[in-house]
């Protein structure tokens, strides 16, 4: 038995069943990996295994004593991949306006380092928000996931609230979803709706999978409605929620699994 790998709950090699993919010499007990990933207590993780809700490299595992290699094997619970490596970090950050999407700046402007610079991990930011825009950004040290989330091939949707000047024509949403011709090609919104009208200003929500620089601002400006304020509220399945400007929080195990699923991991 590994040091510190004591058996609680059901414990032990329960029954005679052997799993072809999860008898890794020197591996870590599967329930310990699940618990360390935040799935639940060791007992709850054993229950999940016993109910056939855990897969390792695509094979259902029901044996509580199974040992796995969390560095190289893909582990899923209820079909959702979990972050089995404990050194991986996944953060949500509410970027305030006036912060540069970079880790350093020669001109001395505020950067992401001012908010997460005390962390030992080297973090990647998923995509960008321009200097004046605000809202949800994802930061992580999972290079493969970060790359896929930012790559247009995977079509990860991003949702924004934009304050623009009214009045709005009735066909603005149709124009945006049909496509706006920009200098670097046509840009298309996936969804559009009016959220609120307040005097001459209108709050609209726009969702798109485009990742080009300042794409929302450019689309609305081309349509005749320059953006006065822009806030990103969603990246794929992750929502900004009540995270305060400048605030940072860790993603939950469920959120991480949903991010993996959104890019086919």
C-alpha atoms as a PDB file:
ATOM      1  CA  UNK A   1       0.000   0.000   0.000  1.00  0.00           C
ATOM      2  CA  UNK A   2       1.246   3.479  -0.897  1.00  0.00           C
ATOM      3  CA  UNK A   3       2.164   5.798   1.952  1.00  0.00           C
ATOM      4  CA  UNK A   4      -0.875   7.878   2.783  1.00  0.00           C
ATOM      5  CA  UNK A   5      -3.069   5.727   0.512  1.00  0.00           C
ATOM      6  CA  UNK A   6      -5.134   4.224   3.329  1.00  0.00           C
ATOM      7  CA  UNK A   7      -8.395   2.540   2.496  1.00  0.00           C
ATOM      8  CA  UNK A   8     -11.598   3.983   3.869  1.00  0.00           C
ATOM      9  CA  UNK A   9     -15.185   3.239   2.904  1.00  0.00           C
ATOM     10  CA  UNK A  10     -15.312   0.010   0.929  1.00  0.00           C
ATOM     11  CA  UNK A  11     -11.528  -0.230   0.418  1.00  0.00           C
ATOM     12  CA  UNK A  12      -9.386  -3.041  -0.899  1.00  0.00           C
ATOM     13  CA  UNK A  13      -9.543  -5.118  -4.059  1.00  0.00           C
ATOM     14  CA  UNK A  14     -13.257  -5.844  -4.009  1.00  0.00           C
ATOM     15  CA  UNK A  15     -14.024  -9.112  -5.793  1.00  0.00           C
ATOM     16  CA  UNK A  16     -11.989 -11.013  -8.345  1.00  0.00           C
ATOM     17  CA  UNK A  17     -12.692  -8.808 -11.386  1.00  0.00           C
ATOM     18  CA  UNK A  18      -9.589  -7.428 -13.096  1.00  0.00           C
ATOM     19  CA  UNK A  19      -9.548  -4.418 -15.430  1.00  0.00           C
ATOM     20  CA  UNK A  20      -7.249  -4.605 -18.432  1.00  0.00           C
ATOM     21  CA  UNK A  21      -6.441  -0.906 -18.560  1.00  0.00           C
ATOM     22  CA  UNK A  22      -6.149  -0.046 -14.892  1.00  0.00           C
ATOM     23  CA  UNK A  23      -3.577  -2.294 -13.299  1.00  0.00           C
ATOM     24  CA  UNK A  24      -0.717   0.150 -13.724  1.00  0.00           C
ATOM     25  CA  UNK A  25       2.323  -0.918 -11.673  1.00  0.00           C
ATOM     26  CA  UNK A  26       3.061   1.783  -9.145  1.00  0.00           C
ATOM     27  CA  UNK A  27      -0.156   3.581 -10.078  1.00  0.00           C
ATOM     28  CA  UNK A  28      -2.505   5.494  -7.799  1.00  0.00           C
ATOM     29  CA  UNK A  29      -5.794   4.069  -6.577  1.00  0.00           C
ATOM     30  CA  UNK A  30      -8.588   5.322  -8.791  1.00  0.00           C
ATOM     31  CA  UNK A  31     -10.773   6.529  -5.921  1.00  0.00           C
ATOM     32  CA  UNK A  32      -7.867   8.593  -4.582  1.00  0.00           C
ATOM     33  CA  UNK A  33      -7.387  10.270  -7.969  1.00  0.00           C
ATOM     34  CA  UNK A  34     -11.108  11.069  -8.156  1.00  0.00           C
ATOM     35  CA  UNK A  35     -11.176  12.501  -4.645  1.00  0.00           C
ATOM     36  CA  UNK A  36      -8.074  14.620  -5.287  1.00  0.00           C
ATOM     37  CA  UNK A  37      -9.753  16.039  -8.405  1.00  0.00           C
ATOM     38  CA  UNK A  38     -12.665  17.256  -6.294  1.00  0.00           C
ATOM     39  CA  UNK A  39     -15.233  14.703  -7.432  1.00  0.00           C
ATOM     40  CA  UNK A  40     -16.196  13.975  -3.831  1.00  0.00           C
ATOM     41  CA  UNK A  41     -15.127  12.119  -0.713  1.00  0.00           C
ATOM     42  CA  UNK A  42     -13.230   8.842  -1.051  1.00  0.00           C
ATOM     43  CA  UNK A  43     -16.384   6.938  -0.068  1.00  0.00           C
ATOM     44  CA  UNK A  44     -18.492   8.796  -2.658  1.00  0.00           C
ATOM     45  CA  UNK A  45     -15.883   8.092  -5.342  1.00  0.00           C
ATOM     46  CA  UNK A  46     -15.954   4.386  -4.461  1.00  0.00           C
ATOM     47  CA  UNK A  47     -19.730   4.454  -4.856  1.00  0.00           C
ATOM     48  CA  UNK A  48     -19.355   6.016  -8.306  1.00  0.00           C
ATOM     49  CA  UNK A  49     -16.923   3.263  -9.299  1.00  0.00           C
ATOM     50  CA  UNK A  50     -19.245   0.574  -7.976  1.00  0.00           C
ATOM     51  CA  UNK A  51     -22.151   2.041  -9.946  1.00  0.00           C
ATOM     52  CA  UNK A  52     -20.152   1.825 -13.187  1.00  0.00           C
ATOM     53  CA  UNK A  53     -20.033   5.594 -13.658  1.00  0.00           C
ATOM     54  CA  UNK A  54     -16.235   5.859 -14.027  1.00  0.00           C
ATOM     55  CA  UNK A  55     -14.240   5.196 -17.198  1.00  0.00           C
ATOM     56  CA  UNK A  56     -10.492   4.984 -17.731  1.00  0.00           C
ATOM     57  CA  UNK A  57      -9.358   5.321 -21.346  1.00  0.00           C
ATOM     58  CA  UNK A  58     -12.909   4.538 -22.453  1.00  0.00           C
ATOM     59  CA  UNK A  59     -13.318   1.370 -20.346  1.00  0.00           C
ATOM     60  CA  UNK A  60     -15.770   1.204 -17.461  1.00  0.00           C
ATOM     61  CA  UNK A  61     -14.046   0.383 -14.158  1.00  0.00           C
ATOM     62  CA  UNK A  62     -15.910  -1.229 -11.250  1.00  0.00           C
ATOM     63  CA  UNK A  63     -13.025  -2.477  -9.096  1.00  0.00           C
ATOM     64  CA  UNK A  64     -12.203  -0.251  -6.111  1.00  0.00           C
ATOM     65  CA  UNK A  65      -8.566  -1.356  -5.932  1.00  0.00           C
ATOM     66  CA  UNK A  66      -7.816  -0.386  -9.549  1.00  0.00           C
ATOM     67  CA  UNK A  67      -4.627   1.643  -9.961  1.00  0.00           C
ATOM     68  CA  UNK A  68      -4.203   4.220 -12.696  1.00  0.00           C
ATOM     69  CA  UNK A  69      -1.605   6.579 -14.122  1.00  0.00           C
ATOM     70  CA  UNK A  70      -3.246  10.018 -13.828  1.00  0.00           C
ATOM     71  CA  UNK A  71      -0.440  11.631 -15.825  1.00  0.00           C
ATOM     72  CA  UNK A  72      -1.245   9.699 -18.991  1.00  0.00           C
ATOM     73  CA  UNK A  73      -4.691   8.096 -18.732  1.00  0.00           C
ATOM     74  CA  UNK A  74      -8.002   9.825 -19.465  1.00  0.00           C
ATOM     75  CA  UNK A  75     -10.507   9.441 -16.630  1.00  0.00           C
ATOM     76  CA  UNK A  76     -14.190  10.292 -16.969  1.00  0.00           C
ATOM     77  CA  UNK A  77     -17.084  10.380 -14.513  1.00  0.00           C
ATOM     78  CA  UNK A  78     -20.576  10.231 -16.039  1.00  0.00           C
ATOM     79  CA  UNK A  79     -18.932  10.818 -19.408  1.00  0.00           C
ATOM     80  CA  UNK A  80     -17.161  14.020 -18.316  1.00  0.00           C
ATOM     81  CA  UNK A  81     -13.380  14.110 -18.218  1.00  0.00           C
ATOM     82  CA  UNK A  82     -11.781  15.104 -14.919  1.00  0.00           C
ATOM     83  CA  UNK A  83      -8.452  16.914 -14.350  1.00  0.00           C
ATOM     84  CA  UNK A  84      -6.542  13.925 -13.020  1.00  0.00           C
ATOM     85  CA  UNK A  85      -3.222  15.762 -12.715  1.00  0.00           C
ATOM     86  CA  UNK A  86      -3.069  17.700  -9.472  1.00  0.00           C
ATOM     87  CA  UNK A  87      -0.611  20.260 -10.880  1.00  0.00           C
ATOM     88  CA  UNK A  88      -3.166  21.595 -13.371  1.00  0.00           C
ATOM     89  CA  UNK A  89      -4.861  24.891 -12.540  1.00  0.00           C
ATOM     90  CA  UNK A  90      -8.049  26.296 -14.098  1.00  0.00           C
ATOM     91  CA  UNK A  91      -9.182  29.818 -13.188  1.00  0.00           C
ATOM     92  CA  UNK A  92     -11.980  32.221 -14.081  1.00  0.00           C
ATOM     93  CA  UNK A  93     -11.034  35.906 -13.974  1.00  0.00           C
ATOM     94  CA  UNK A  94     -13.254  38.978 -14.278  1.00  0.00           C
ATOM     95  CA  UNK A  95     -11.028  41.389 -16.193  1.00  0.00           C
ATOM     96  CA  UNK A  96     -11.717  45.042 -15.388  1.00  0.00           C
ATOM     97  CA  UNK A  97     -11.430  47.669 -18.127  1.00  0.00           C
ATOM     98  CA  UNK A  98      -7.985  49.204 -18.414  1.00  0.00           C
ATOM     99  CA  UNK A  99      -6.143  45.888 -17.992  1.00  0.00           C
ATOM    100  CA  UNK A 100      -3.930  44.527 -20.755  1.00  0.00           C
ATOM    101  CA  UNK A 101      -4.392  40.886 -21.756  1.00  0.00           C
ATOM    102  CA  UNK A 102      -0.728  40.040 -21.233  1.00  0.00           C
ATOM    103  CA  UNK A 103       1.540  39.007 -18.389  1.00  0.00           C
ATOM    104  CA  UNK A 104       3.800  42.090 -18.716  1.00  0.00           C
ATOM    105  CA  UNK A 105       3.861  45.497 -20.403  1.00  0.00           C
ATOM    106  CA  UNK A 106       6.822  47.731 -21.184  1.00  0.00           C
ATOM    107  CA  UNK A 107       4.621  50.806 -20.815  1.00  0.00           C
ATOM    108  CA  UNK A 108       3.735  49.944 -17.242  1.00  0.00           C
ATOM    109  CA  UNK A 109       0.028  49.348 -17.781  1.00  0.00           C
ATOM    110  CA  UNK A 110      -1.912  46.945 -15.565  1.00  0.00           C
ATOM    111  CA  UNK A 111      -1.707  43.336 -16.774  1.00  0.00           C
ATOM    112  CA  UNK A 112      -2.975  39.907 -15.744  1.00  0.00           C
ATOM    113  CA  UNK A 113       0.100  39.522 -13.553  1.00  0.00           C
ATOM    114  CA  UNK A 114      -1.306  42.163 -11.211  1.00  0.00           C
ATOM    115  CA  UNK A 115      -4.112  39.721 -10.370  1.00  0.00           C
ATOM    116  CA  UNK A 116      -2.523  36.246 -10.627  1.00  0.00           C
ATOM    117  CA  UNK A 117       1.193  37.019 -10.415  1.00  0.00           C
ATOM    118  CA  UNK A 118       1.502  35.417  -6.981  1.00  0.00           C
ATOM    119  CA  UNK A 119       0.831  31.937  -8.422  1.00  0.00           C
ATOM    120  CA  UNK A 120       3.773  29.608  -9.027  1.00  0.00           C
ATOM    121  CA  UNK A 121       2.280  28.076 -12.185  1.00  0.00           C
ATOM    122  CA  UNK A 122       2.901  29.502 -15.649  1.00  0.00           C
ATOM    123  CA  UNK A 123      -0.616  30.317 -16.802  1.00  0.00           C
ATOM    124  CA  UNK A 124      -2.003  30.693 -20.316  1.00  0.00           C
ATOM    125  CA  UNK A 125      -4.866  33.087 -21.027  1.00  0.00           C
ATOM    126  CA  UNK A 126      -7.504  31.632 -23.325  1.00  0.00           C
ATOM    127  CA  UNK A 127      -8.088  34.205 -26.036  1.00  0.00           C
ATOM    128  CA  UNK A 128      -8.022  37.915 -25.368  1.00  0.00           C
ATOM    129  CA  UNK A 129     -10.139  40.863 -24.294  1.00  0.00           C
ATOM    130  CA  UNK A 130      -9.104  44.268 -25.571  1.00  0.00           C
ATOM    131  CA  UNK A 131      -7.826  46.923 -23.171  1.00  0.00           C
ATOM    132  CA  UNK A 132     -11.170  48.708 -22.717  1.00  0.00           C
ATOM    133  CA  UNK A 133     -13.353  45.611 -22.581  1.00  0.00           C
ATOM    134  CA  UNK A 134     -14.127  43.647 -19.434  1.00  0.00           C
ATOM    135  CA  UNK A 135     -15.524  40.371 -18.234  1.00  0.00           C
ATOM    136  CA  UNK A 136     -14.767  36.670 -18.239  1.00  0.00           C
ATOM    137  CA  UNK A 137     -11.339  35.302 -19.076  1.00  0.00           C
ATOM    138  CA  UNK A 138     -10.058  31.777 -18.511  1.00  0.00           C
ATOM    139  CA  UNK A 139      -6.519  31.194 -17.237  1.00  0.00           C
ATOM    140  CA  UNK A 140      -4.928  27.768 -17.000  1.00  0.00           C
ATOM    141  CA  UNK A 141      -1.702  25.778 -17.321  1.00  0.00           C
ATOM    142  CA  UNK A 142      -3.336  23.029 -19.388  1.00  0.00           C
ATOM    143  CA  UNK A 143      -1.760  23.867 -22.745  1.00  0.00           C
ATOM    144  CA  UNK A 144      -3.763  21.423 -24.857  1.00  0.00           C
ATOM    145  CA  UNK A 145      -7.124  22.563 -23.492  1.00  0.00           C
ATOM    146  CA  UNK A 146      -6.175  26.254 -23.750  1.00  0.00           C
ATOM    147  CA  UNK A 147      -5.120  25.780 -27.384  1.00  0.00           C
ATOM    148  CA  UNK A 148      -8.346  24.054 -28.364  1.00  0.00           C
ATOM    149  CA  UNK A 149     -10.557  26.574 -26.575  1.00  0.00           C
ATOM    150  CA  UNK A 150      -8.898  29.415 -28.481  1.00  0.00           C
ATOM    151  CA  UNK A 151      -8.777  27.688 -31.873  1.00  0.00           C
ATOM    152  CA  UNK A 152     -11.632  28.620 -34.270  1.00  0.00           C
ATOM    153  CA  UNK A 153     -11.829  25.001 -35.456  1.00  0.00           C
ATOM    154  CA  UNK A 154     -13.650  24.018 -32.258  1.00  0.00           C
ATOM    155  CA  UNK A 155     -16.212  26.826 -32.451  1.00  0.00           C
ATOM    156  CA  UNK A 156     -16.390  27.581 -28.726  1.00  0.00           C
ATOM    157  CA  UNK A 157     -19.146  30.139 -28.249  1.00  0.00           C
ATOM    158  CA  UNK A 158     -18.534  33.390 -26.386  1.00  0.00           C
ATOM    159  CA  UNK A 159     -21.313  35.694 -25.195  1.00  0.00           C
ATOM    160  CA  UNK A 160     -21.069  39.453 -24.666  1.00  0.00           C
ATOM    161  CA  UNK A 161     -23.241  42.238 -23.310  1.00  0.00           C
ATOM    162  CA  UNK A 162     -22.766  45.399 -25.342  1.00  0.00           C
ATOM    163  CA  UNK A 163     -24.092  48.837 -24.510  1.00  0.00           C
ATOM    164  CA  UNK A 164     -24.706  50.699 -27.762  1.00  0.00           C
ATOM    165  CA  UNK A 165     -26.390  53.845 -28.992  1.00  0.00           C
ATOM    166  CA  UNK A 166     -30.027  53.533 -30.042  1.00  0.00           C
ATOM    167  CA  UNK A 167     -32.472  53.532 -31.578  1.00  0.00           C
ATOM    168  CA  UNK A 168     -32.025  50.094 -33.143  1.00  0.00           C
ATOM    169  CA  UNK A 169     -33.443  49.021 -36.483  1.00  0.00           C
ATOM    170  CA  UNK A 170     -35.659  45.949 -36.324  1.00  0.00           C
ATOM    171  CA  UNK A 171     -33.356  44.021 -38.630  1.00  0.00           C
ATOM    172  CA  UNK A 172     -30.083  44.529 -36.707  1.00  0.00           C
ATOM    173  CA  UNK A 173     -30.118  40.985 -35.324  1.00  0.00           C
ATOM    174  CA  UNK A 174     -30.798  39.535 -38.757  1.00  0.00           C
ATOM    175  CA  UNK A 175     -27.932  41.521 -40.269  1.00  0.00           C
ATOM    176  CA  UNK A 176     -25.495  40.372 -37.600  1.00  0.00           C
ATOM    177  CA  UNK A 177     -26.511  36.733 -37.940  1.00  0.00           C
ATOM    178  CA  UNK A 178     -26.465  36.869 -41.748  1.00  0.00           C
ATOM    179  CA  UNK A 179     -22.969  38.344 -41.695  1.00  0.00           C
ATOM    180  CA  UNK A 180     -21.237  41.713 -41.533  1.00  0.00           C
ATOM    181  CA  UNK A 181     -18.584  42.455 -44.146  1.00  0.00           C
ATOM    182  CA  UNK A 182     -15.342  43.585 -42.493  1.00  0.00           C
ATOM    183  CA  UNK A 183     -11.952  44.413 -43.998  1.00  0.00           C
ATOM    184  CA  UNK A 184     -10.691  40.906 -43.152  1.00  0.00           C
ATOM    185  CA  UNK A 185     -13.792  39.008 -44.236  1.00  0.00           C
ATOM    186  CA  UNK A 186     -17.382  38.365 -43.216  1.00  0.00           C
ATOM    187  CA  UNK A 187     -18.131  38.019 -39.484  1.00  0.00           C
ATOM    188  CA  UNK A 188     -21.300  36.294 -38.305  1.00  0.00           C
ATOM    189  CA  UNK A 189     -23.093  36.256 -34.967  1.00  0.00           C
ATOM    190  CA  UNK A 190     -24.640  32.992 -33.756  1.00  0.00           C
ATOM    191  CA  UNK A 191     -27.284  34.634 -31.555  1.00  0.00           C
ATOM    192  CA  UNK A 192     -28.509  38.159 -30.844  1.00  0.00           C
ATOM    193  CA  UNK A 193     -31.126  39.666 -28.557  1.00  0.00           C
ATOM    194  CA  UNK A 194     -32.056  43.013 -27.053  1.00  0.00           C
ATOM    195  CA  UNK A 195     -31.753  42.849 -23.260  1.00  0.00           C
ATOM    196  CA  UNK A 196     -32.789  46.352 -22.182  1.00  0.00           C
ATOM    197  CA  UNK A 197     -33.679  49.762 -23.587  1.00  0.00           C
ATOM    198  CA  UNK A 198     -32.924  52.823 -21.454  1.00  0.00           C
ATOM    199  CA  UNK A 199     -33.396  56.152 -23.154  1.00  0.00           C
ATOM    200  CA  UNK A 200     -30.994  56.540 -26.078  1.00  0.00           C
ATOM    201  CA  UNK A 201     -28.859  53.587 -24.964  1.00  0.00           C
ATOM    202  CA  UNK A 202     -29.596  49.917 -25.586  1.00  0.00           C
ATOM    203  CA  UNK A 203     -28.111  46.808 -23.978  1.00  0.00           C
ATOM    204  CA  UNK A 204     -27.789  43.876 -26.373  1.00  0.00           C
ATOM    205  CA  UNK A 205     -26.448  40.350 -26.023  1.00  0.00           C
ATOM    206  CA  UNK A 206     -24.422  38.860 -28.842  1.00  0.00           C
ATOM    207  CA  UNK A 207     -23.028  35.314 -29.048  1.00  0.00           C
ATOM    208  CA  UNK A 208     -20.459  34.220 -31.596  1.00  0.00           C
ATOM    209  CA  UNK A 209     -17.639  31.769 -32.148  1.00  0.00           C
ATOM    210  CA  UNK A 210     -15.440  34.290 -33.947  1.00  0.00           C
ATOM    211  CA  UNK A 211     -12.052  34.957 -32.360  1.00  0.00           C
ATOM    212  CA  UNK A 212     -10.723  37.817 -34.439  1.00  0.00           C
ATOM    213  CA  UNK A 213      -9.376  40.909 -32.729  1.00  0.00           C
ATOM    214  CA  UNK A 214     -12.053  43.327 -31.422  1.00  0.00           C
ATOM    215  CA  UNK A 215     -14.618  41.404 -33.455  1.00  0.00           C
ATOM    216  CA  UNK A 216     -17.744  42.451 -31.507  1.00  0.00           C
ATOM    217  CA  UNK A 217     -16.788  46.117 -31.505  1.00  0.00           C
ATOM    218  CA  UNK A 218     -15.993  46.017 -35.213  1.00  0.00           C
ATOM    219  CA  UNK A 219     -19.225  44.249 -36.177  1.00  0.00           C
ATOM    220  CA  UNK A 220     -21.460  46.636 -34.259  1.00  0.00           C
ATOM    221  CA  UNK A 221     -19.558  49.696 -35.457  1.00  0.00           C
ATOM    222  CA  UNK A 222     -19.899  48.524 -39.069  1.00  0.00           C
ATOM    223  CA  UNK A 223     -23.637  48.072 -38.456  1.00  0.00           C
ATOM    224  CA  UNK A 224     -23.815  51.705 -37.319  1.00  0.00           C
ATOM    225  CA  UNK A 225     -23.869  51.185 -33.539  1.00  0.00           C
ATOM    226  CA  UNK A 226     -20.442  51.724 -31.921  1.00  0.00           C
ATOM    227  CA  UNK A 227     -19.967  49.985 -28.571  1.00  0.00           C
ATOM    228  CA  UNK A 228     -19.989  52.156 -25.461  1.00  0.00           C
ATOM    229  CA  UNK A 229     -19.257  49.308 -23.045  1.00  0.00           C
ATOM    230  CA  UNK A 230     -18.488  45.631 -23.652  1.00  0.00           C
ATOM    231  CA  UNK A 231     -18.593  42.789 -21.109  1.00  0.00           C
ATOM    232  CA  UNK A 232     -17.929  39.115 -21.874  1.00  0.00           C
ATOM    233  CA  UNK A 233     -20.265  36.977 -19.791  1.00  0.00           C
ATOM    234  CA  UNK A 234     -19.686  33.429 -21.085  1.00  0.00           C
ATOM    235  CA  UNK A 235     -16.899  31.337 -22.577  1.00  0.00           C
ATOM    236  CA  UNK A 236     -18.328  27.998 -23.689  1.00  0.00           C
ATOM    237  CA  UNK A 237     -20.044  26.453 -20.638  1.00  0.00           C
ATOM    238  CA  UNK A 238     -18.364  28.821 -18.137  1.00  0.00           C
ATOM    239  CA  UNK A 239     -20.319  31.841 -16.908  1.00  0.00           C
ATOM    240  CA  UNK A 240     -19.081  35.036 -15.291  1.00  0.00           C
ATOM    241  CA  UNK A 241     -21.875  34.944 -12.727  1.00  0.00           C
ATOM    242  CA  UNK A 242     -21.308  37.117  -9.662  1.00  0.00           C
ATOM    243  CA  UNK A 243     -17.523  37.207  -9.843  1.00  0.00           C
ATOM    244  CA  UNK A 244     -16.516  40.774  -9.004  1.00  0.00           C
ATOM    245  CA  UNK A 245     -14.233  42.856 -11.278  1.00  0.00           C
ATOM    246  CA  UNK A 246     -10.650  41.811 -10.587  1.00  0.00           C
ATOM    247  CA  UNK A 247     -11.868  38.636  -8.892  1.00  0.00           C
ATOM    248  CA  UNK A 248     -10.396  35.195  -9.530  1.00  0.00           C
ATOM    249  CA  UNK A 249     -11.916  31.801  -8.737  1.00  0.00           C
ATOM    250  CA  UNK A 250     -11.044  28.189  -9.427  1.00  0.00           C
ATOM    251  CA  UNK A 251     -13.258  26.299 -11.838  1.00  0.00           C
ATOM    252  CA  UNK A 252     -15.188  23.388 -10.404  1.00  0.00           C
ATOM    253  CA  UNK A 253     -14.531  19.805 -11.488  1.00  0.00           C
ATOM    254  CA  UNK A 254     -17.840  19.844 -13.338  1.00  0.00           C
ATOM    255  CA  UNK A 255     -16.940  23.050 -15.207  1.00  0.00           C
ATOM    256  CA  UNK A 256     -13.568  21.626 -16.225  1.00  0.00           C
ATOM    257  CA  UNK A 257     -15.271  18.486 -17.520  1.00  0.00           C
ATOM    258  CA  UNK A 258     -17.679  20.608 -19.541  1.00  0.00           C
ATOM    259  CA  UNK A 259     -14.767  22.542 -21.042  1.00  0.00           C
ATOM    260  CA  UNK A 260     -13.065  19.284 -22.046  1.00  0.00           C
ATOM    261  CA  UNK A 261     -16.299  18.079 -23.646  1.00  0.00           C
ATOM    262  CA  UNK A 262     -16.787  21.346 -25.544  1.00  0.00           C
ATOM    263  CA  UNK A 263     -13.542  20.745 -27.493  1.00  0.00           C
ATOM    264  CA  UNK A 264     -13.744  16.980 -27.838  1.00  0.00           C
ATOM    265  CA  UNK A 265     -11.280  15.976 -25.100  1.00  0.00           C
END
